[in-house]
Protein backbone atom coordinates (compact mmCIF):
# COMPACT_ATOMS: atom_id res chain seq x y z
CA UNK A 1 46.57 -32.86 -1.49
CA UNK A 2 44.69 -29.30 -1.99
CA UNK A 3 43.39 -30.39 -5.63
CA UNK A 4 40.09 -32.23 -4.37
CA UNK A 5 36.41 -30.37 -4.07
CA UNK A 6 36.67 -27.88 -1.88
CA UNK A 7 32.39 -26.99 -1.27
CA UNK A 8 32.88 -23.71 0.24
CA UNK A 9 34.92 -22.51 -2.49
CA UNK A 10 32.38 -23.00 -5.11
CA UNK A 11 29.29 -22.25 -2.88
CA UNK A 12 27.34 -19.38 -4.35
CA UNK A 13 27.20 -16.41 -1.89
CA UNK A 14 24.25 -15.57 -0.04
CA UNK A 15 23.43 -11.93 0.82
CA UNK A 16 21.23 -10.49 3.42
CA UNK A 17 18.26 -7.88 2.17
CA UNK A 18 16.24 -6.59 4.90
CA UNK A 19 12.73 -4.87 3.28
CA UNK A 20 11.57 -1.83 5.55
CA UNK A 21 8.20 -1.11 4.56
CA UNK A 22 4.81 -0.88 6.04
CA UNK A 23 4.14 -4.50 6.71
CA UNK A 24 2.84 -3.67 10.35
CA UNK A 25 0.08 -1.61 9.65
CA UNK A 26 -2.96 -3.49 9.55
CA UNK A 27 -4.45 -3.15 6.08
CA UNK A 28 -4.79 -5.44 2.90
CA UNK A 29 -2.81 -2.61 0.92
CA UNK A 30 0.01 -2.87 2.96
CA UNK A 31 0.56 -6.29 3.79
CA UNK A 32 -0.11 -7.15 -0.06
CA UNK A 33 2.97 -4.54 -1.18
CA UNK A 34 5.21 -5.75 1.36
CA UNK A 35 4.70 -9.07 0.12
CA UNK A 36 4.91 -8.97 -3.20
CA UNK A 37 8.30 -6.68 -3.08
CA UNK A 38 9.82 -9.69 -1.05
CA UNK A 39 9.04 -12.01 -3.78
CA UNK A 40 10.09 -9.61 -6.53
CA UNK A 41 13.70 -9.45 -4.91
CA UNK A 42 13.72 -13.31 -4.34
CA UNK A 43 12.87 -13.26 -8.42
CA UNK A 44 15.55 -10.88 -9.21
CA UNK A 45 18.20 -12.41 -6.99
CA UNK A 46 17.43 -15.91 -5.92
CA UNK A 47 20.16 -15.98 -3.56
CA UNK A 48 19.01 -13.38 -1.68
CA UNK A 49 18.24 -14.03 2.11
CA UNK A 50 15.08 -11.66 2.47
CA UNK A 51 13.57 -10.54 5.61
CA UNK A 52 11.52 -7.48 6.80
CA UNK A 53 13.00 -4.75 9.18
CA UNK A 54 10.67 -2.62 11.22
CA UNK A 55 11.04 1.03 11.74
CA UNK A 56 10.19 3.07 14.87
CA UNK A 57 7.36 5.45 14.64
CA UNK A 58 8.27 8.89 15.20
CA UNK A 59 6.54 12.22 16.21
CA UNK A 60 3.13 14.02 14.53
CA UNK A 61 4.63 17.05 12.96
CA UNK A 62 1.89 18.74 11.64
CA UNK A 63 0.27 21.31 14.25
CA UNK A 64 -3.37 19.96 15.48
CA UNK A 65 -2.53 16.70 14.93
CA UNK A 66 -3.08 13.84 17.40
CA UNK A 67 0.64 13.02 18.76
CA UNK A 68 -0.32 11.14 22.00
CA UNK A 69 -2.15 8.46 21.00
CA UNK A 70 0.52 6.24 21.37
CA UNK A 71 0.71 6.50 25.20
CA UNK A 72 -2.93 6.18 25.78
CA UNK A 73 -3.68 2.64 26.94
CA UNK A 74 -4.73 -0.14 25.08
CA UNK A 75 -8.53 -0.02 26.36
CA UNK A 76 -8.52 3.73 25.58
CA UNK A 77 -7.57 2.87 22.01
CA UNK A 78 -10.32 0.06 21.73
CA UNK A 79 -12.82 2.54 22.87
CA UNK A 80 -11.94 5.56 20.58
CA UNK A 81 -11.91 2.96 17.44
CA UNK A 82 -15.32 1.55 18.66
CA UNK A 83 -17.03 5.19 18.56
CA UNK A 84 -15.49 5.65 15.29
CA UNK A 85 -16.64 2.66 13.76
CA UNK A 86 -19.90 3.20 15.51
CA UNK A 87 -20.55 6.24 13.63
CA UNK A 88 -21.26 4.33 10.48
CA UNK A 89 -24.59 3.41 9.24
CA UNK A 90 -23.87 -0.11 9.29
CA UNK A 91 -25.25 -3.61 10.85
CA UNK A 92 -24.29 -3.93 14.48
CA UNK A 93 -23.08 -7.18 13.08
CA UNK A 94 -20.37 -5.99 10.99
CA UNK A 95 -19.27 -3.53 13.22
CA UNK A 96 -18.34 -6.34 15.74
CA UNK A 97 -17.12 -7.89 12.77
CA UNK A 98 -15.01 -5.24 11.52
CA UNK A 99 -13.77 -4.29 15.08
CA UNK A 100 -12.54 -7.99 15.60
CA UNK A 101 -10.86 -8.04 12.12
CA UNK A 102 -8.78 -5.35 13.52
CA UNK A 103 -7.79 -6.77 16.54
CA UNK A 104 -7.00 -9.79 15.37
CA UNK A 105 -5.47 -9.00 12.10
CA UNK A 106 -1.84 -8.50 12.99
CA UNK A 107 -1.74 -12.44 15.04
CA UNK A 108 -3.78 -14.14 12.45
CA UNK A 109 -2.80 -12.46 9.03
CA UNK A 110 0.44 -10.90 9.03
CA UNK A 111 1.94 -14.42 9.39
CA UNK A 112 0.62 -15.38 6.15
CA UNK A 113 2.93 -12.66 4.23
CA UNK A 114 5.91 -13.66 6.38
CA UNK A 115 5.98 -11.07 8.99
CA UNK A 116 6.91 -12.75 12.54
CA UNK A 117 5.83 -11.35 16.12
CA UNK A 118 9.10 -10.11 17.27
CA UNK A 119 9.87 -6.47 15.97
CA UNK A 120 13.00 -6.63 13.72
CA UNK A 121 15.22 -3.21 14.27
CA UNK A 122 18.90 -4.26 13.64
CA UNK A 123 19.74 -2.87 10.37
CA UNK A 124 22.89 -4.79 9.98
CA UNK A 125 22.05 -6.43 6.39
CA UNK A 126 24.20 -6.33 3.13
CA UNK A 127 21.25 -4.31 1.49
CA UNK A 128 18.23 -2.64 2.96
CA UNK A 129 15.59 -1.87 0.83
CA UNK A 130 12.99 0.64 1.76
CA UNK A 131 9.91 0.91 0.53
CA UNK A 132 7.49 0.61 -1.13
CA UNK A 133 4.05 2.22 0.31
CA UNK A 134 4.26 5.70 1.51
CA UNK A 135 7.48 5.50 3.74
CA UNK A 136 8.53 8.84 2.73
CA UNK A 137 5.41 10.24 3.88
CA UNK A 138 6.82 12.14 6.95
CA UNK A 139 4.15 14.64 7.57
CA UNK A 140 1.55 12.39 8.17
CA UNK A 141 -0.52 12.16 11.20
CA UNK A 142 -0.81 8.38 11.16
CA UNK A 143 0.60 7.61 14.87
CA UNK A 144 1.96 4.56 13.47
CA UNK A 145 4.36 5.97 11.52
CA UNK A 146 4.67 9.81 12.13
CA UNK A 147 8.16 11.44 11.11
CA UNK A 148 10.21 8.24 11.46
CA UNK A 149 14.21 8.62 10.35
CA UNK A 150 14.52 5.14 9.86
CA UNK A 151 12.47 5.39 6.92
CA UNK A 152 14.94 7.48 5.53
CA UNK A 153 18.04 5.02 6.21
CA UNK A 154 19.02 7.21 9.31
CA UNK A 155 21.44 5.32 11.47
CA UNK A 156 21.27 2.38 9.14
CA UNK A 157 24.33 -0.71 9.68
CA UNK A 158 23.27 -2.16 6.14
CA UNK A 159 26.33 -1.92 3.36
CA UNK A 160 24.33 -0.17 1.19
CA UNK A 161 20.06 1.62 1.29
CA UNK A 162 18.04 1.54 -1.58
CA UNK A 163 14.49 2.11 -1.93
CA UNK A 164 12.05 0.86 -4.34
CA UNK A 165 8.81 2.69 -5.39
CA UNK A 166 9.02 4.68 -2.45
CA UNK A 167 6.26 7.29 -1.73
CA UNK A 168 6.06 10.85 -0.03
CA UNK A 169 1.70 10.32 -0.40
CA UNK A 170 0.40 13.85 0.17
CA UNK A 171 3.51 15.32 1.63
CA UNK A 172 5.05 18.35 -0.40
CA UNK A 173 7.70 20.64 -0.10
CA UNK A 174 5.67 23.35 1.38
CA UNK A 175 4.46 21.05 4.19
CA UNK A 176 8.64 19.85 4.75
CA UNK A 177 9.59 23.57 5.02
CA UNK A 178 6.11 24.26 7.55
CA UNK A 179 7.84 21.86 9.62
CA UNK A 180 11.59 22.40 9.19
CA UNK A 181 13.08 19.18 8.22
CA UNK A 182 14.23 19.62 4.67
CA UNK A 183 18.15 19.70 5.51
CA UNK A 184 17.90 16.27 7.53
CA UNK A 185 15.88 14.41 4.59
CA UNK A 186 17.98 16.05 2.01
CA UNK A 187 21.27 14.63 4.09
CA UNK A 188 19.50 11.19 4.36
CA UNK A 189 18.44 10.88 0.86
CA UNK A 190 21.79 11.80 -0.28
CA UNK A 191 23.24 8.63 1.60
CA UNK A 192 21.10 6.22 -0.24
CA UNK A 193 23.09 4.10 -3.35
CA UNK A 194 19.90 4.23 -5.21
CA UNK A 195 16.47 5.65 -4.72
CA UNK A 196 13.16 4.59 -6.97
CA UNK A 197 9.89 6.10 -6.31
CA UNK A 198 6.03 5.03 -7.12
CA UNK A 199 4.91 8.83 -8.62
CA UNK A 200 5.72 12.09 -10.00
CA UNK A 201 5.12 14.02 -6.62
CA UNK A 202 7.65 11.83 -4.92
CA UNK A 203 10.30 12.23 -8.20
CA UNK A 204 9.61 16.04 -8.01
CA UNK A 205 10.61 15.82 -4.31
CA UNK A 206 13.46 13.76 -4.67
CA UNK A 207 14.88 15.83 -7.13
CA UNK A 208 14.12 19.30 -5.20
CA UNK A 209 15.66 17.64 -2.03
CA UNK A 210 19.04 15.70 -4.04
CA UNK A 211 19.12 17.50 -7.42
CA UNK A 212 18.64 13.75 -8.69
CA UNK A 213 16.07 12.57 -10.76
CA UNK A 214 14.79 9.07 -9.53
CA UNK A 215 13.21 6.65 -11.76
CA UNK A 216 9.88 6.31 -11.31
CA UNK A 217 8.65 2.20 -10.85
CA UNK A 218 4.91 0.76 -10.22
CA UNK A 219 4.17 -0.56 -6.94
CA UNK A 220 4.63 -4.05 -6.53
CA UNK A 221 1.55 -5.41 -6.28
CA UNK A 222 0.82 -4.17 -9.89
CA UNK A 223 3.81 -6.31 -11.67
CA UNK A 224 4.06 -9.08 -9.03
CA UNK A 225 1.52 -12.33 -10.37
CA UNK A 226 -0.53 -13.22 -7.33
CA UNK A 227 -2.25 -15.88 -8.95
CA UNK A 228 -0.68 -18.83 -7.47
CA UNK A 229 -1.60 -17.33 -4.05
CA UNK A 230 -5.37 -16.50 -4.80
CA UNK A 231 -7.87 -19.03 -3.94
CA UNK A 232 -10.17 -20.80 -6.51
CA UNK A 233 -13.30 -20.23 -4.76
CA UNK A 234 -14.14 -17.30 -2.00
CA UNK A 235 -16.59 -18.05 1.03
CA UNK A 236 -19.70 -16.58 1.88
CA UNK A 237 -20.41 -14.14 -0.86
CA UNK A 238 -23.81 -13.46 -2.87
CA UNK A 239 -23.71 -15.06 -6.43
CA UNK A 240 -23.54 -11.09 -7.65
CA UNK A 241 -22.08 -8.49 -6.14
CA UNK A 242 -19.81 -5.41 -6.35
CA UNK A 243 -17.27 -4.51 -3.68
CA UNK A 244 -17.22 -1.20 -2.09
CA UNK A 245 -13.58 -0.72 -0.86
CA UNK A 246 -12.25 2.09 1.19
CA UNK A 247 -11.73 3.03 4.97
CA UNK A 248 -14.74 2.83 7.17
CA UNK A 249 -17.01 5.65 6.68
CA UNK A 250 -14.87 7.80 4.29
CA UNK A 251 -17.38 7.53 1.31
CA UNK A 252 -19.74 10.66 1.30
CA UNK A 253 -23.55 10.20 2.04
CA UNK A 254 -24.17 10.85 -1.98
CA UNK A 255 -21.52 8.61 -3.12
CA UNK A 256 -22.68 5.45 -0.82
CA UNK A 257 -26.47 6.12 -2.47
CA UNK A 258 -25.05 5.89 -6.16
CA UNK A 259 -23.37 2.67 -4.94
CA UNK A 260 -26.55 1.47 -3.58
CA UNK A 261 -28.47 2.81 -6.72
CA UNK A 262 -25.98 1.06 -9.10
CA UNK A 263 -26.32 -2.62 -7.24
CA UNK A 264 -30.28 -2.16 -7.27
CA UNK A 265 -29.71 -1.41 -11.22
CA UNK A 266 -27.66 -4.35 -11.61
CA UNK A 267 -29.61 -7.02 -9.63
CA UNK A 268 -26.73 -7.00 -7.10
CA UNK A 269 -25.13 -6.69 -3.35
CA UNK A 270 -23.00 -4.71 -1.98
CA UNK A 271 -19.96 -5.95 0.03
CA UNK A 272 -17.51 -3.82 2.14
CA UNK A 273 -14.16 -4.73 2.15
CA UNK A 274 -11.45 -3.08 3.99
CA UNK A 275 -13.60 -0.92 6.40
CA UNK A 276 -17.64 -0.48 6.82
CA UNK A 277 -19.54 1.36 4.44
CA UNK A 278 -23.08 2.41 4.67
CA UNK A 279 -24.02 1.34 1.18
CA UNK A 280 -22.98 -2.32 2.30
CA UNK A 281 -25.46 -5.19 2.77
CA UNK A 282 -22.60 -7.15 4.02
CA UNK A 283 -19.01 -6.62 5.86
CA UNK A 284 -16.53 -9.32 4.71
CA UNK A 285 -13.74 -10.27 6.70
CA UNK A 286 -10.90 -12.42 4.93
CA UNK A 287 -7.12 -12.86 4.64
CA UNK A 288 -5.25 -10.59 2.12
CA UNK A 289 -5.04 -13.54 -0.61
CA UNK A 290 -8.75 -14.12 -0.41
CA UNK A 291 -9.68 -10.45 -0.54
CA UNK A 292 -8.23 -10.67 -4.20
CA UNK A 293 -10.68 -13.46 -4.70
CA UNK A 294 -13.63 -11.54 -3.72
CA UNK A 295 -12.23 -8.53 -6.16
CA UNK A 296 -11.62 -11.04 -9.08
CA UNK A 297 -15.30 -12.41 -8.77
CA UNK A 298 -16.67 -8.87 -8.22
CA UNK A 299 -19.38 -7.47 -10.86
CA UNK A 300 -17.73 -4.00 -10.26
CA UNK A 301 -15.45 -2.14 -7.45
CA UNK A 302 -16.07 1.56 -6.11
CA UNK A 303 -13.16 2.37 -4.32
CA UNK A 304 -11.11 5.85 -2.90
CA UNK A 305 -8.02 3.97 -2.28
CA UNK A 306 -4.49 3.30 -4.02
CA UNK A 307 -4.32 -0.35 -3.79
CA UNK A 308 -7.94 -1.06 -4.07
CA UNK A 309 -7.68 0.70 -7.45
CA UNK A 310 -4.61 -1.68 -8.18
CA UNK A 311 -6.71 -4.78 -6.71
CA UNK A 312 -9.42 -3.73 -9.20
CA UNK A 313 -6.67 -3.52 -12.21
CA UNK A 314 -5.40 -6.87 -11.17
CA UNK A 315 -8.57 -8.46 -11.34
CA UNK A 316 -9.51 -6.93 -14.71
CA UNK A 317 -13.12 -5.83 -13.52
CA UNK A 318 -15.27 -2.71 -14.06
CA UNK A 319 -14.21 0.34 -11.36
CA UNK A 320 -14.41 3.64 -10.43
CA UNK A 321 -11.88 5.25 -8.37
CA UNK A 322 -13.15 8.34 -6.47
CA UNK A 323 -9.97 11.11 -6.19
CA UNK A 324 -10.09 13.39 -3.22
CA UNK A 325 -7.92 16.69 -3.32
CA UNK A 326 -6.21 17.63 -0.12
CA UNK A 327 -7.42 20.70 1.67
CA UNK A 328 -5.20 22.17 4.46
CA UNK A 329 -4.04 19.02 6.52
CA UNK A 330 -7.28 16.94 5.62
CA UNK A 331 -6.44 13.44 4.07
CA UNK A 332 -6.13 13.69 0.28
CA UNK A 333 -5.42 11.29 -2.42
CA UNK A 334 -4.81 13.17 -5.56
CA UNK A 335 -0.86 13.28 -5.66
CA UNK A 336 -0.75 9.31 -5.47
CA UNK A 337 -4.32 8.24 -7.49
CA UNK A 338 -3.90 10.72 -10.08
CA UNK A 339 -0.67 9.61 -11.37
CA UNK A 340 -1.63 6.14 -11.13
CA UNK A 341 -4.44 6.67 -13.39
CA UNK A 342 -2.57 8.53 -15.54
CA UNK A 343 0.47 6.01 -16.02
CA UNK A 344 -1.89 3.12 -16.64
CA UNK A 345 -4.19 5.15 -19.21
CA UNK A 346 -6.92 4.81 -17.04
CA UNK A 347 -7.86 8.46 -16.31
CA UNK A 348 -11.48 7.59 -17.18
CA UNK A 349 -12.05 5.43 -14.28
CA UNK A 350 -11.45 8.85 -11.92
CA UNK A 351 -14.80 10.18 -10.37
CA UNK A 352 -14.76 13.78 -10.02
CA UNK A 353 -17.18 15.89 -8.35
CA UNK A 354 -20.06 15.84 -10.44
CA UNK A 355 -19.38 12.72 -12.25
CA UNK A 356 -21.89 9.84 -12.15
CA UNK A 357 -20.30 6.45 -10.18
CA UNK A 358 -22.87 4.20 -12.49
CA UNK A 359 -21.64 5.68 -15.60
CA UNK A 360 -18.15 5.46 -15.12
CA UNK A 361 -18.52 1.56 -13.85
CA UNK A 362 -20.53 1.15 -17.46
CA UNK A 363 -17.90 1.97 -19.54
CA UNK A 364 -15.51 -0.40 -20.76
CA UNK A 365 -11.76 -0.87 -20.07
CA UNK A 366 -9.13 -1.61 -22.49
CA UNK A 367 -7.59 -4.45 -20.07
CA UNK A 368 -5.20 -5.78 -22.83
CA UNK A 369 -3.31 -2.58 -23.02
CA UNK A 370 -3.10 -2.46 -19.53
CA UNK A 371 -1.70 -5.79 -19.44
CA UNK A 372 0.98 -5.24 -21.94
CA UNK A 373 2.10 -2.20 -20.01
CA UNK A 374 2.21 -4.31 -16.37
CA UNK A 375 4.30 -6.63 -18.56
CA UNK A 376 6.76 -4.10 -19.77
CA UNK A 377 7.24 -2.46 -16.04
CA UNK A 378 7.52 -6.15 -14.47
CA UNK A 379 10.90 -5.98 -16.71
CA UNK A 380 12.01 -2.65 -15.78
CA UNK A 381 11.49 -3.49 -12.00
CA UNK A 382 13.27 -6.66 -12.16
CA UNK A 383 16.19 -4.95 -14.02
CA UNK A 384 16.47 -2.23 -11.45
CA UNK A 385 15.96 -4.71 -8.80
CA UNK A 386 18.68 -6.98 -9.96
CA UNK A 387 21.35 -3.96 -10.55
CA UNK A 388 20.51 -2.62 -7.12
CA UNK A 389 21.18 -6.13 -5.54
CA UNK A 390 24.07 -6.99 -7.41
CA UNK A 391 26.38 -3.62 -7.87
């Protein structure tokens, strides 16, 4: 007695891992980075039980930014978005399609990446992983995020709190000091068991706030292999097309003119993904994995977004990335995009003022070198995740 097989004694322990990320932000980059991080964690620790956690949005701290939008009715927000989309010089049918895309994104597309309908605020997990994306961007004007201390692990009941490829976006120490939150952010970050960031600006900020220098890792979308999830065919696209990928209306008139001119020169049409653009012949609504099929088969891509750049790299297509500096409280992507292009050795894809988009699209890209770098970085990612999940 007592010498027989005891299944409980030999069972491999399962630990709970909760990812607190931007998985409910209604855009492709937020969805795919959250999905990729979950898959990478499962690859690093096959015995982990991985789920998503939700943060509570916080206040908008920058003066002059709107902080009352969450208190408006759904009808008022919808009307505001309709006015915003209507300002873009696009076909009426495309405006309606994009509005419907945003309206139904959460119900139709979030389940595809494993995000449930119910919010999950309970942080009593073994390990809480915060990241990736701009989870540390604490002085942004996005009403769906704001300054949420949840994203800094404040009050977490997890056994350990770590981050992976977390970004401060265009938040700087000067902005943090302007709104007076340096002491509490420093205090929250000091409780992390491990911190990983995805760009130099974020590394420098963590170092200034905690006196420790965290490792930099690539965004999970750059190191995860989406191939098995991407459909072989994509519907409703012309034989030859270029992709204009960005938030609605953010391309400048001169940029749209160059995009349309380049498309005519190579005999292609322009399709808009992710937002409405006046240069586009057609706006396409699709799920996040079909989006990658559109990138894969494109003749070229023009984008001004972080994940639009990454999707182009994954697809190994010609692309041009428009980098915009921060001016005051205006949107800027220099901190994250400048670093991304440098670390990938793709600074030649950057569109600066005075550059011709067509010239950049025509220039060759050394994708074999980029692919080798991504493979090396994936190995680093898995080592880091394995360490923080098992230590």
